[in-house]
């Protein structure tokens, strides 16, 4: 992960560096991404880059970390608006994500997904990623009222929220590529949530 020196940079400079990296990670598959191109676009020296990051995986790790923090903040905002109801929160969050997700981040996620399949770009990206996912789950769990769940423990919530997040990602990606389908996508998402909430058996 990035060094303390990077975290201490002004927010605007961190944003400039990350935007330069995102631009490069979108332009080519991850294994072909050029650190030289990143530093040139960001307007920093090669020496500075290596005082901030060990390599380009470090940059990607920070981009994902930042995206995760934005995800949690957006979810918490939607949960508050939805009276801590999971199902209403998920619907609200889909709308929030369609409105606020940067197209560049969706392109990046797709490019990294493809690179990972071919080159292992995201393999072991974050050594402590399980801890981070657990922490994220705990935060999401704390925003939701689980009092009427058959199982209200965090383990069951984690399994449920992972299914919802997968569907959210699919819906957001589809809407990005087919913007005219937005209302149809929302309807399908709502139907899938109802199956999760109530089941399919008589």
N, C-alpha and C. Protein backbone atom coordinates (compact mmCIF):
# COMPACT_ATOMS: atom_id res chain seq x y z
N UNK A 1 0.84 -1.19 0.00
CA UNK A 1 0.00 0.00 0.00
C UNK A 1 0.88 1.25 0.00
N UNK A 2 0.28 2.41 -0.32
CA UNK A 2 1.08 3.65 -0.38
C UNK A 2 1.77 3.95 0.95
N UNK A 3 2.81 4.76 0.86
CA UNK A 3 3.56 5.15 2.05
C UNK A 3 2.82 6.27 2.80
N UNK A 4 3.28 6.50 4.02
CA UNK A 4 2.69 7.58 4.83
C UNK A 4 2.88 8.93 4.14
N UNK A 5 3.99 9.06 3.41
CA UNK A 5 4.26 10.32 2.71
C UNK A 5 3.16 10.62 1.69
N UNK A 6 2.69 9.57 1.02
CA UNK A 6 1.60 9.78 0.05
C UNK A 6 0.32 10.21 0.78
N UNK A 7 0.00 9.52 1.88
CA UNK A 7 -1.22 9.85 2.62
C UNK A 7 -1.18 11.27 3.17
N UNK A 8 0.01 11.80 3.38
CA UNK A 8 0.14 13.16 3.92
C UNK A 8 0.08 14.25 2.85
N UNK A 9 0.03 13.85 1.58
CA UNK A 9 -0.07 14.83 0.50
C UNK A 9 -1.40 15.57 0.57
N UNK A 10 -1.47 16.78 0.04
CA UNK A 10 -2.76 17.48 -0.06
C UNK A 10 -3.74 16.65 -0.90
N UNK A 11 -5.00 16.72 -0.56
CA UNK A 11 -6.03 15.92 -1.23
C UNK A 11 -6.01 16.12 -2.74
N UNK A 12 -5.79 17.36 -3.17
CA UNK A 12 -5.81 17.67 -4.61
C UNK A 12 -4.68 16.97 -5.35
N UNK A 13 -3.50 16.89 -4.70
CA UNK A 13 -2.37 16.23 -5.34
C UNK A 13 -2.59 14.72 -5.42
N UNK A 14 -3.14 14.15 -4.34
CA UNK A 14 -3.45 12.71 -4.37
C UNK A 14 -4.44 12.41 -5.48
N UNK A 15 -5.43 13.28 -5.62
CA UNK A 15 -6.44 13.10 -6.67
C UNK A 15 -5.81 13.17 -8.05
N UNK A 16 -4.89 14.12 -8.26
CA UNK A 16 -4.22 14.27 -9.55
C UNK A 16 -3.44 13.01 -9.91
N UNK A 17 -2.71 12.47 -8.95
CA UNK A 17 -1.92 11.24 -9.18
C UNK A 17 -2.84 10.07 -9.49
N UNK A 18 -3.91 9.94 -8.71
CA UNK A 18 -4.84 8.82 -8.92
C UNK A 18 -5.55 8.93 -10.27
N UNK A 19 -5.95 10.12 -10.63
CA UNK A 19 -6.61 10.30 -11.93
C UNK A 19 -5.68 9.95 -13.08
N UNK A 20 -4.39 10.30 -12.93
CA UNK A 20 -3.41 9.95 -13.96
C UNK A 20 -3.26 8.43 -14.06
N UNK A 21 -3.27 7.77 -12.90
CA UNK A 21 -3.15 6.31 -12.90
C UNK A 21 -4.39 5.66 -13.50
N UNK A 22 -5.56 6.15 -13.13
CA UNK A 22 -6.81 5.61 -13.68
C UNK A 22 -6.82 5.75 -15.20
N UNK A 23 -6.40 6.91 -15.68
CA UNK A 23 -6.35 7.15 -17.12
C UNK A 23 -5.46 6.11 -17.81
N UNK A 24 -4.32 5.81 -17.20
CA UNK A 24 -3.39 4.85 -17.79
C UNK A 24 -3.92 3.41 -17.68
N UNK A 25 -4.54 3.08 -16.54
CA UNK A 25 -5.06 1.72 -16.36
C UNK A 25 -6.25 1.44 -17.26
N UNK A 26 -6.93 2.50 -17.72
CA UNK A 26 -8.02 2.34 -18.67
C UNK A 26 -7.48 2.23 -20.10
N UNK A 27 -6.40 2.97 -20.36
CA UNK A 27 -5.85 3.05 -21.71
C UNK A 27 -5.34 1.70 -22.21
N UNK A 28 -4.71 0.93 -21.34
CA UNK A 28 -4.09 -0.34 -21.73
C UNK A 28 -4.36 -1.40 -20.65
N UNK A 29 -4.19 -2.69 -20.98
CA UNK A 29 -4.29 -3.71 -19.93
C UNK A 29 -3.28 -3.43 -18.82
N UNK A 30 -3.59 -3.87 -17.62
CA UNK A 30 -2.80 -3.51 -16.45
C UNK A 30 -1.32 -3.86 -16.61
N UNK A 31 -1.02 -5.02 -17.19
CA UNK A 31 0.38 -5.44 -17.31
C UNK A 31 1.17 -4.53 -18.24
N UNK A 32 0.47 -3.82 -19.12
CA UNK A 32 1.15 -2.92 -20.06
C UNK A 32 1.15 -1.46 -19.58
N UNK A 33 0.50 -1.19 -18.47
CA UNK A 33 0.43 0.19 -17.96
C UNK A 33 1.82 0.70 -17.63
N UNK A 34 2.07 1.95 -18.01
CA UNK A 34 3.40 2.55 -17.87
C UNK A 34 3.46 3.53 -16.70
N UNK A 35 4.40 3.26 -15.79
CA UNK A 35 4.62 4.20 -14.69
C UNK A 35 5.10 5.54 -15.24
N UNK A 36 5.93 5.51 -16.28
CA UNK A 36 6.40 6.75 -16.91
C UNK A 36 5.24 7.61 -17.39
N UNK A 37 4.24 6.95 -17.98
CA UNK A 37 3.07 7.68 -18.47
C UNK A 37 2.30 8.30 -17.29
N UNK A 38 2.19 7.54 -16.21
CA UNK A 38 1.46 8.04 -15.02
C UNK A 38 2.15 9.28 -14.46
N UNK A 39 3.48 9.22 -14.29
CA UNK A 39 4.18 10.34 -13.67
C UNK A 39 4.18 11.57 -14.59
N UNK A 40 4.23 11.32 -15.89
CA UNK A 40 4.19 12.45 -16.83
C UNK A 40 2.84 13.15 -16.76
N UNK A 41 1.75 12.35 -16.77
CA UNK A 41 0.40 12.94 -16.71
C UNK A 41 0.16 13.63 -15.37
N UNK A 42 0.68 13.03 -14.30
CA UNK A 42 0.47 13.59 -12.96
C UNK A 42 1.38 14.79 -12.68
N UNK A 43 2.45 14.93 -13.47
CA UNK A 43 3.37 16.04 -13.27
C UNK A 43 4.26 15.87 -12.05
N UNK A 44 4.67 14.61 -11.79
CA UNK A 44 5.58 14.35 -10.67
C UNK A 44 6.83 13.66 -11.20
N UNK A 45 7.88 13.62 -10.42
CA UNK A 45 9.12 12.96 -10.83
C UNK A 45 9.05 11.47 -10.54
N UNK A 46 9.90 10.71 -11.22
CA UNK A 46 9.96 9.27 -10.98
C UNK A 46 10.37 9.00 -9.53
N UNK A 47 11.31 9.83 -9.02
CA UNK A 47 11.74 9.67 -7.63
C UNK A 47 10.60 9.87 -6.66
N UNK A 48 9.75 10.87 -6.93
CA UNK A 48 8.59 11.11 -6.06
C UNK A 48 7.65 9.93 -6.08
N UNK A 49 7.42 9.38 -7.28
CA UNK A 49 6.51 8.23 -7.40
C UNK A 49 6.94 7.12 -6.46
N UNK A 50 8.25 6.83 -6.45
CA UNK A 50 8.74 5.71 -5.64
C UNK A 50 8.88 6.05 -4.15
N UNK A 51 8.69 7.31 -3.80
CA UNK A 51 8.57 7.62 -2.36
C UNK A 51 7.11 7.47 -1.91
N UNK A 52 6.20 7.40 -2.88
CA UNK A 52 4.78 7.24 -2.56
C UNK A 52 4.32 5.78 -2.68
N UNK A 53 4.86 5.08 -3.70
CA UNK A 53 4.40 3.73 -4.01
C UNK A 53 5.58 2.81 -4.30
N UNK A 54 5.36 1.53 -4.03
CA UNK A 54 6.39 0.54 -4.38
C UNK A 54 6.33 0.23 -5.87
N UNK A 55 5.11 0.13 -6.39
CA UNK A 55 4.92 -0.17 -7.81
C UNK A 55 3.50 0.22 -8.21
N UNK A 56 3.10 -0.12 -9.42
CA UNK A 56 1.78 0.30 -9.88
C UNK A 56 0.65 -0.46 -9.17
N UNK A 57 0.95 -1.63 -8.61
CA UNK A 57 -0.07 -2.34 -7.83
C UNK A 57 -0.45 -1.52 -6.58
N UNK A 58 0.54 -0.84 -6.03
CA UNK A 58 0.29 0.03 -4.87
C UNK A 58 -0.70 1.14 -5.23
N UNK A 59 -0.50 1.72 -6.42
CA UNK A 59 -1.41 2.78 -6.87
C UNK A 59 -2.81 2.22 -7.02
N UNK A 60 -2.91 1.06 -7.66
CA UNK A 60 -4.22 0.43 -7.87
C UNK A 60 -4.87 0.09 -6.54
N UNK A 61 -4.05 -0.38 -5.59
CA UNK A 61 -4.57 -0.70 -4.26
C UNK A 61 -5.20 0.51 -3.60
N UNK A 62 -4.54 1.66 -3.73
CA UNK A 62 -5.09 2.88 -3.14
C UNK A 62 -6.38 3.30 -3.84
N UNK A 63 -6.42 3.17 -5.15
CA UNK A 63 -7.63 3.53 -5.90
C UNK A 63 -8.81 2.69 -5.41
N UNK A 64 -8.57 1.40 -5.23
CA UNK A 64 -9.63 0.52 -4.73
C UNK A 64 -10.01 0.86 -3.29
N UNK A 65 -9.00 1.19 -2.49
CA UNK A 65 -9.25 1.58 -1.09
C UNK A 65 -10.14 2.81 -1.03
N UNK A 66 -9.80 3.80 -1.86
CA UNK A 66 -10.57 5.04 -1.90
C UNK A 66 -11.99 4.78 -2.38
N UNK A 67 -12.12 3.91 -3.40
CA UNK A 67 -13.45 3.57 -3.92
C UNK A 67 -14.28 2.86 -2.85
N UNK A 68 -13.61 2.01 -2.05
CA UNK A 68 -14.31 1.30 -0.98
C UNK A 68 -14.83 2.27 0.08
N UNK A 69 -14.03 3.27 0.42
CA UNK A 69 -14.47 4.27 1.40
C UNK A 69 -15.65 5.08 0.87
N UNK A 70 -15.60 5.41 -0.42
CA UNK A 70 -16.72 6.13 -1.03
C UNK A 70 -17.98 5.28 -1.06
N UNK A 71 -17.80 3.98 -1.31
CA UNK A 71 -18.93 3.04 -1.32
C UNK A 71 -19.61 3.02 0.05
N UNK A 72 -18.81 2.88 1.09
CA UNK A 72 -19.35 2.79 2.46
C UNK A 72 -20.07 4.09 2.83
N UNK A 73 -19.46 5.23 2.49
CA UNK A 73 -20.08 6.52 2.81
C UNK A 73 -21.40 6.68 2.08
N UNK A 74 -21.44 6.29 0.81
CA UNK A 74 -22.68 6.38 0.02
C UNK A 74 -23.75 5.46 0.57
N UNK A 75 -23.35 4.24 0.95
CA UNK A 75 -24.30 3.27 1.52
C UNK A 75 -24.89 3.80 2.82
N UNK A 76 -24.04 4.35 3.68
CA UNK A 76 -24.50 4.87 4.98
C UNK A 76 -25.50 6.00 4.77
N UNK A 77 -25.24 6.85 3.80
CA UNK A 77 -26.15 7.95 3.49
C UNK A 77 -27.50 7.41 3.02
N UNK A 78 -27.47 6.38 2.17
CA UNK A 78 -28.72 5.79 1.68
C UNK A 78 -29.47 5.06 2.79
N UNK A 79 -28.73 4.41 3.70
CA UNK A 79 -29.36 3.70 4.82
C UNK A 79 -30.07 4.68 5.74
N UNK A 80 -29.46 5.82 5.97
CA UNK A 80 -30.08 6.84 6.82
C UNK A 80 -31.38 7.35 6.18
N UNK A 81 -31.35 7.59 4.87
CA UNK A 81 -32.54 8.05 4.16
C UNK A 81 -33.64 7.00 4.17
N UNK A 82 -33.23 5.72 4.23
CA UNK A 82 -34.18 4.60 4.12
C UNK A 82 -34.57 4.01 5.46
N UNK A 83 -34.31 4.76 6.54
CA UNK A 83 -34.70 4.31 7.88
C UNK A 83 -34.06 2.98 8.27
N UNK A 84 -32.84 2.75 7.78
CA UNK A 84 -32.06 1.54 8.09
C UNK A 84 -32.70 0.26 7.56
N UNK A 85 -33.62 0.39 6.62
CA UNK A 85 -34.24 -0.78 5.99
C UNK A 85 -33.32 -1.27 4.86
N UNK A 86 -32.90 -2.54 4.93
CA UNK A 86 -31.93 -3.06 3.97
C UNK A 86 -32.43 -2.95 2.53
N UNK A 87 -33.66 -3.34 2.32
CA UNK A 87 -34.19 -3.45 0.96
C UNK A 87 -34.38 -2.07 0.32
N UNK A 88 -34.89 -1.14 1.11
CA UNK A 88 -35.02 0.23 0.62
C UNK A 88 -33.65 0.87 0.40
N UNK A 89 -32.71 0.54 1.30
CA UNK A 89 -31.35 1.06 1.17
C UNK A 89 -30.71 0.58 -0.14
N UNK A 90 -30.89 -0.70 -0.46
CA UNK A 90 -30.31 -1.25 -1.69
C UNK A 90 -30.86 -0.55 -2.93
N UNK A 91 -32.18 -0.31 -2.94
CA UNK A 91 -32.81 0.38 -4.07
C UNK A 91 -32.30 1.82 -4.16
N UNK A 92 -32.23 2.47 -3.01
CA UNK A 92 -31.74 3.85 -2.95
C UNK A 92 -30.27 3.92 -3.41
N UNK A 93 -29.50 2.91 -3.00
CA UNK A 93 -28.08 2.91 -3.34
C UNK A 93 -27.86 2.67 -4.83
N UNK A 94 -28.71 1.88 -5.45
CA UNK A 94 -28.60 1.69 -6.90
C UNK A 94 -28.77 3.02 -7.61
N UNK A 95 -29.81 3.76 -7.21
CA UNK A 95 -30.06 5.08 -7.80
C UNK A 95 -28.87 6.02 -7.54
N UNK A 96 -28.39 6.01 -6.32
CA UNK A 96 -27.24 6.84 -5.93
C UNK A 96 -26.02 6.50 -6.79
N UNK A 97 -25.77 5.21 -7.00
CA UNK A 97 -24.59 4.76 -7.74
C UNK A 97 -24.69 5.13 -9.22
N UNK A 98 -25.88 4.96 -9.79
CA UNK A 98 -26.06 5.32 -11.19
C UNK A 98 -25.77 6.80 -11.38
N UNK A 99 -26.18 7.59 -10.42
CA UNK A 99 -26.00 9.04 -10.51
C UNK A 99 -24.56 9.48 -10.23
N UNK A 100 -23.89 8.81 -9.29
CA UNK A 100 -22.61 9.32 -8.79
C UNK A 100 -21.36 8.55 -9.21
N UNK A 101 -21.51 7.33 -9.71
CA UNK A 101 -20.32 6.56 -10.07
C UNK A 101 -19.65 7.16 -11.30
N UNK A 102 -18.36 7.42 -11.18
CA UNK A 102 -17.60 7.94 -12.32
C UNK A 102 -17.47 6.87 -13.39
N UNK A 103 -17.73 7.24 -14.62
CA UNK A 103 -17.62 6.29 -15.72
C UNK A 103 -16.20 5.72 -15.81
N UNK A 104 -15.21 6.54 -15.46
CA UNK A 104 -13.83 6.08 -15.51
C UNK A 104 -13.60 4.90 -14.55
N UNK A 105 -14.27 4.95 -13.38
CA UNK A 105 -14.09 3.86 -12.41
C UNK A 105 -14.72 2.57 -12.91
N UNK A 106 -15.83 2.68 -13.64
CA UNK A 106 -16.44 1.48 -14.20
C UNK A 106 -15.55 0.88 -15.29
N UNK A 107 -14.99 1.75 -16.12
CA UNK A 107 -14.07 1.27 -17.15
C UNK A 107 -12.85 0.61 -16.52
N UNK A 108 -12.35 1.24 -15.46
CA UNK A 108 -11.19 0.68 -14.76
C UNK A 108 -11.51 -0.70 -14.20
N UNK A 109 -12.66 -0.83 -13.53
CA UNK A 109 -13.04 -2.12 -12.94
C UNK A 109 -13.14 -3.20 -14.02
N UNK A 110 -13.71 -2.85 -15.16
CA UNK A 110 -13.83 -3.82 -16.24
C UNK A 110 -12.46 -4.19 -16.81
N UNK A 111 -11.58 -3.20 -16.96
CA UNK A 111 -10.25 -3.45 -17.51
C UNK A 111 -9.43 -4.31 -16.56
N UNK A 112 -9.52 -4.02 -15.27
CA UNK A 112 -8.78 -4.80 -14.28
C UNK A 112 -9.34 -6.22 -14.20
N UNK A 113 -10.67 -6.34 -14.30
CA UNK A 113 -11.28 -7.67 -14.30
C UNK A 113 -10.72 -8.50 -15.45
N UNK A 114 -10.64 -7.91 -16.63
CA UNK A 114 -10.11 -8.62 -17.79
C UNK A 114 -8.62 -8.91 -17.64
N UNK A 115 -7.88 -7.94 -17.10
CA UNK A 115 -6.45 -8.13 -16.90
C UNK A 115 -6.20 -9.22 -15.87
N UNK A 116 -7.04 -9.25 -14.84
CA UNK A 116 -6.87 -10.25 -13.79
C UNK A 116 -7.05 -11.65 -14.36
N UNK A 117 -8.03 -11.80 -15.24
CA UNK A 117 -8.29 -13.10 -15.83
C UNK A 117 -7.06 -13.55 -16.64
N UNK A 118 -6.41 -12.61 -17.32
CA UNK A 118 -5.31 -12.96 -18.21
C UNK A 118 -3.95 -12.90 -17.54
N UNK A 119 -3.74 -11.90 -16.67
CA UNK A 119 -2.40 -11.64 -16.17
C UNK A 119 -2.27 -11.65 -14.65
N UNK A 120 -3.37 -11.84 -13.92
CA UNK A 120 -3.29 -11.84 -12.46
C UNK A 120 -3.00 -10.47 -11.88
N UNK A 121 -3.53 -9.43 -12.52
CA UNK A 121 -3.21 -8.06 -12.08
C UNK A 121 -3.62 -7.80 -10.65
N UNK A 122 -4.76 -8.33 -10.24
CA UNK A 122 -5.25 -8.04 -8.89
C UNK A 122 -4.91 -9.14 -7.89
N UNK A 123 -4.13 -10.14 -8.32
CA UNK A 123 -3.80 -11.24 -7.42
C UNK A 123 -2.98 -10.72 -6.24
N UNK A 124 -3.45 -11.01 -5.05
CA UNK A 124 -2.76 -10.56 -3.83
C UNK A 124 -2.52 -9.06 -3.82
N UNK A 125 -3.46 -8.33 -4.39
CA UNK A 125 -3.32 -6.87 -4.46
C UNK A 125 -3.18 -6.27 -3.07
N UNK A 126 -4.04 -6.72 -2.17
CA UNK A 126 -3.98 -6.24 -0.79
C UNK A 126 -3.82 -7.45 0.12
N UNK A 127 -2.65 -7.63 0.73
CA UNK A 127 -2.43 -8.80 1.59
C UNK A 127 -3.45 -8.91 2.71
N UNK A 128 -3.96 -7.78 3.20
CA UNK A 128 -4.92 -7.81 4.30
C UNK A 128 -6.33 -7.56 3.79
N UNK A 129 -6.62 -7.98 2.53
CA UNK A 129 -7.91 -7.64 1.96
C UNK A 129 -9.06 -8.30 2.71
N UNK A 130 -8.83 -9.50 3.31
CA UNK A 130 -9.90 -10.14 4.06
C UNK A 130 -10.28 -9.30 5.27
N UNK A 131 -9.29 -8.73 5.93
CA UNK A 131 -9.54 -7.86 7.09
C UNK A 131 -10.34 -6.65 6.65
N UNK A 132 -9.96 -6.07 5.53
CA UNK A 132 -10.66 -4.88 5.04
C UNK A 132 -12.10 -5.20 4.66
N UNK A 133 -12.31 -6.34 4.04
CA UNK A 133 -13.67 -6.74 3.69
C UNK A 133 -14.51 -6.96 4.95
N UNK A 134 -13.90 -7.56 5.96
CA UNK A 134 -14.60 -7.75 7.23
C UNK A 134 -14.97 -6.41 7.85
N UNK A 135 -14.03 -5.48 7.82
CA UNK A 135 -14.29 -4.15 8.38
C UNK A 135 -15.41 -3.45 7.61
N UNK A 136 -15.39 -3.58 6.28
CA UNK A 136 -16.44 -2.97 5.47
C UNK A 136 -17.79 -3.60 5.81
N UNK A 137 -17.82 -4.92 5.95
CA UNK A 137 -19.06 -5.61 6.30
C UNK A 137 -19.59 -5.13 7.64
N UNK A 138 -18.70 -4.95 8.61
CA UNK A 138 -19.11 -4.47 9.94
C UNK A 138 -19.76 -3.09 9.86
N UNK A 139 -19.18 -2.21 9.03
CA UNK A 139 -19.73 -0.87 8.89
C UNK A 139 -21.11 -0.94 8.23
N UNK A 140 -21.23 -1.72 7.15
CA UNK A 140 -22.53 -1.85 6.48
C UNK A 140 -23.57 -2.45 7.42
N UNK A 141 -23.14 -3.45 8.18
CA UNK A 141 -24.02 -4.12 9.14
C UNK A 141 -24.56 -3.12 10.17
N UNK A 142 -23.69 -2.22 10.62
CA UNK A 142 -24.09 -1.25 11.66
C UNK A 142 -25.12 -0.24 11.15
N UNK A 143 -25.25 -0.11 9.82
CA UNK A 143 -26.19 0.87 9.26
C UNK A 143 -27.59 0.30 9.06
N UNK A 144 -27.74 -1.01 9.23
CA UNK A 144 -29.00 -1.68 8.88
C UNK A 144 -29.70 -2.25 10.12
N UNK A 145 -31.01 -2.12 10.16
CA UNK A 145 -31.83 -2.72 11.22
C UNK A 145 -32.12 -4.17 10.85
N UNK A 146 -31.55 -5.11 11.59
CA UNK A 146 -31.73 -6.53 11.29
C UNK A 146 -32.70 -7.20 12.26
N UNK A 147 -33.47 -6.41 12.99
CA UNK A 147 -34.33 -6.97 14.04
C UNK A 147 -35.41 -7.92 13.51
N UNK A 148 -35.81 -7.78 12.25
CA UNK A 148 -36.85 -8.68 11.72
C UNK A 148 -36.26 -9.77 10.83
N UNK A 149 -34.93 -9.94 10.84
CA UNK A 149 -34.30 -11.01 10.05
C UNK A 149 -34.43 -12.34 10.80
N UNK A 150 -34.58 -13.41 10.05
CA UNK A 150 -34.59 -14.74 10.66
C UNK A 150 -33.27 -15.00 11.37
N UNK A 151 -32.19 -14.55 10.73
CA UNK A 151 -30.86 -14.58 11.34
C UNK A 151 -30.29 -13.17 11.28
N UNK A 152 -30.04 -12.59 12.43
CA UNK A 152 -29.56 -11.21 12.46
C UNK A 152 -28.08 -11.08 12.72
N UNK A 153 -27.35 -12.22 12.69
CA UNK A 153 -25.91 -12.16 12.97
C UNK A 153 -25.15 -11.61 11.77
N UNK A 154 -23.94 -11.14 12.03
CA UNK A 154 -23.15 -10.49 10.99
C UNK A 154 -22.72 -11.47 9.90
N UNK A 155 -22.54 -12.74 10.24
CA UNK A 155 -22.14 -13.73 9.24
C UNK A 155 -23.23 -13.89 8.17
N UNK A 156 -24.49 -14.02 8.63
CA UNK A 156 -25.60 -14.13 7.69
C UNK A 156 -25.75 -12.85 6.88
N UNK A 157 -25.59 -11.71 7.55
CA UNK A 157 -25.67 -10.43 6.86
C UNK A 157 -24.59 -10.34 5.77
N UNK A 158 -23.38 -10.79 6.09
CA UNK A 158 -22.29 -10.76 5.13
C UNK A 158 -22.60 -11.57 3.88
N UNK A 159 -23.21 -12.74 4.06
CA UNK A 159 -23.58 -13.56 2.91
C UNK A 159 -24.65 -12.87 2.08
N UNK A 160 -25.61 -12.27 2.76
CA UNK A 160 -26.70 -11.58 2.06
C UNK A 160 -26.20 -10.35 1.32
N UNK A 161 -25.39 -9.55 1.99
CA UNK A 161 -24.93 -8.30 1.37
C UNK A 161 -24.02 -8.58 0.18
N UNK A 162 -23.29 -9.69 0.21
CA UNK A 162 -22.43 -10.02 -0.93
C UNK A 162 -23.28 -10.31 -2.16
N UNK A 163 -24.44 -10.96 -1.98
CA UNK A 163 -25.35 -11.21 -3.11
C UNK A 163 -25.91 -9.90 -3.66
N UNK A 164 -26.27 -9.01 -2.74
CA UNK A 164 -26.83 -7.72 -3.16
C UNK A 164 -25.78 -6.89 -3.90
N UNK A 165 -24.54 -6.90 -3.41
CA UNK A 165 -23.49 -6.12 -4.05
C UNK A 165 -23.18 -6.64 -5.46
N UNK A 166 -23.20 -7.96 -5.61
CA UNK A 166 -22.98 -8.55 -6.94
C UNK A 166 -24.04 -8.05 -7.91
N UNK A 167 -25.30 -8.06 -7.46
CA UNK A 167 -26.39 -7.59 -8.33
C UNK A 167 -26.28 -6.09 -8.59
N UNK A 168 -25.89 -5.34 -7.58
CA UNK A 168 -25.69 -3.89 -7.77
C UNK A 168 -24.64 -3.65 -8.85
N UNK A 169 -23.53 -4.37 -8.76
CA UNK A 169 -22.44 -4.19 -9.73
C UNK A 169 -22.92 -4.51 -11.15
N UNK A 170 -23.69 -5.58 -11.28
CA UNK A 170 -24.22 -5.93 -12.60
C UNK A 170 -25.13 -4.84 -13.14
N UNK A 171 -26.01 -4.36 -12.29
CA UNK A 171 -26.98 -3.34 -12.70
C UNK A 171 -26.29 -2.03 -13.08
N UNK A 172 -25.31 -1.62 -12.28
CA UNK A 172 -24.60 -0.38 -12.56
C UNK A 172 -23.84 -0.50 -13.88
N UNK A 173 -23.17 -1.64 -14.07
CA UNK A 173 -22.41 -1.86 -15.30
C UNK A 173 -23.33 -1.87 -16.52
N UNK A 174 -24.47 -2.56 -16.40
CA UNK A 174 -25.40 -2.63 -17.53
C UNK A 174 -25.94 -1.23 -17.87
N UNK A 175 -26.30 -0.48 -16.85
CA UNK A 175 -26.84 0.86 -17.07
C UNK A 175 -25.80 1.77 -17.72
N UNK A 176 -24.54 1.57 -17.33
CA UNK A 176 -23.47 2.36 -17.92
C UNK A 176 -23.37 2.10 -19.43
N UNK A 177 -23.49 0.84 -19.82
CA UNK A 177 -23.38 0.49 -21.24
C UNK A 177 -24.68 0.69 -22.01
N UNK A 178 -25.81 0.64 -21.29
CA UNK A 178 -27.13 0.77 -21.93
C UNK A 178 -27.99 1.77 -21.14
N UNK A 179 -27.66 3.05 -21.18
CA UNK A 179 -28.35 4.04 -20.35
C UNK A 179 -29.86 4.10 -20.57
N UNK A 180 -30.32 3.73 -21.74
CA UNK A 180 -31.77 3.78 -21.99
C UNK A 180 -32.52 2.67 -21.25
N UNK A 181 -31.79 1.71 -20.71
CA UNK A 181 -32.41 0.59 -19.98
C UNK A 181 -32.52 0.85 -18.48
N UNK A 182 -32.26 2.06 -18.03
CA UNK A 182 -32.17 2.32 -16.59
C UNK A 182 -33.41 1.89 -15.83
N UNK A 183 -34.59 2.26 -16.30
CA UNK A 183 -35.82 1.90 -15.58
C UNK A 183 -36.04 0.39 -15.58
N UNK A 184 -35.73 -0.26 -16.68
CA UNK A 184 -35.86 -1.72 -16.76
C UNK A 184 -34.91 -2.39 -15.77
N UNK A 185 -33.69 -1.88 -15.69
CA UNK A 185 -32.69 -2.44 -14.76
C UNK A 185 -33.16 -2.28 -13.32
N UNK A 186 -33.70 -1.12 -12.97
CA UNK A 186 -34.19 -0.89 -11.61
C UNK A 186 -35.32 -1.87 -11.26
N UNK A 187 -36.19 -2.11 -12.23
CA UNK A 187 -37.32 -3.03 -12.01
C UNK A 187 -36.81 -4.45 -11.77
N UNK A 188 -35.86 -4.88 -12.58
CA UNK A 188 -35.30 -6.23 -12.42
C UNK A 188 -34.58 -6.35 -11.08
N UNK A 189 -33.86 -5.31 -10.71
CA UNK A 189 -33.15 -5.32 -9.41
C UNK A 189 -34.15 -5.45 -8.27
N UNK A 190 -35.24 -4.70 -8.35
CA UNK A 190 -36.28 -4.76 -7.32
C UNK A 190 -36.87 -6.17 -7.22
N UNK A 191 -37.08 -6.81 -8.37
CA UNK A 191 -37.64 -8.17 -8.37
C UNK A 191 -36.67 -9.15 -7.73
N UNK A 192 -35.38 -9.00 -8.00
CA UNK A 192 -34.38 -9.89 -7.40
C UNK A 192 -34.31 -9.67 -5.88
N UNK A 193 -34.43 -8.43 -5.46
CA UNK A 193 -34.45 -8.14 -4.02
C UNK A 193 -35.65 -8.80 -3.34
N UNK A 194 -36.79 -8.78 -4.01
CA UNK A 194 -37.99 -9.40 -3.45
C UNK A 194 -37.80 -10.91 -3.28
N UNK A 195 -37.12 -11.54 -4.24
CA UNK A 195 -36.84 -12.98 -4.11
C UNK A 195 -35.90 -13.22 -2.93
N UNK A 196 -34.89 -12.36 -2.77
CA UNK A 196 -33.99 -12.50 -1.63
C UNK A 196 -34.73 -12.29 -0.32
N UNK A 197 -35.64 -11.33 -0.31
CA UNK A 197 -36.34 -10.98 0.92
C UNK A 197 -37.37 -12.02 1.31
N UNK A 198 -38.15 -12.49 0.32
CA UNK A 198 -39.29 -13.35 0.62
C UNK A 198 -39.11 -14.81 0.18
N UNK A 199 -38.10 -15.09 -0.64
CA UNK A 199 -37.93 -16.44 -1.14
C UNK A 199 -38.77 -16.68 -2.38
N UNK A 200 -38.63 -17.88 -2.95
CA UNK A 200 -39.34 -18.21 -4.18
C UNK A 200 -40.34 -19.34 -3.98
N UNK A 201 -40.18 -20.08 -2.88
CA UNK A 201 -41.06 -21.23 -2.65
C UNK A 201 -42.42 -20.77 -2.12
N UNK A 202 -43.44 -21.58 -2.40
CA UNK A 202 -44.79 -21.27 -1.90
C UNK A 202 -44.81 -21.41 -0.40
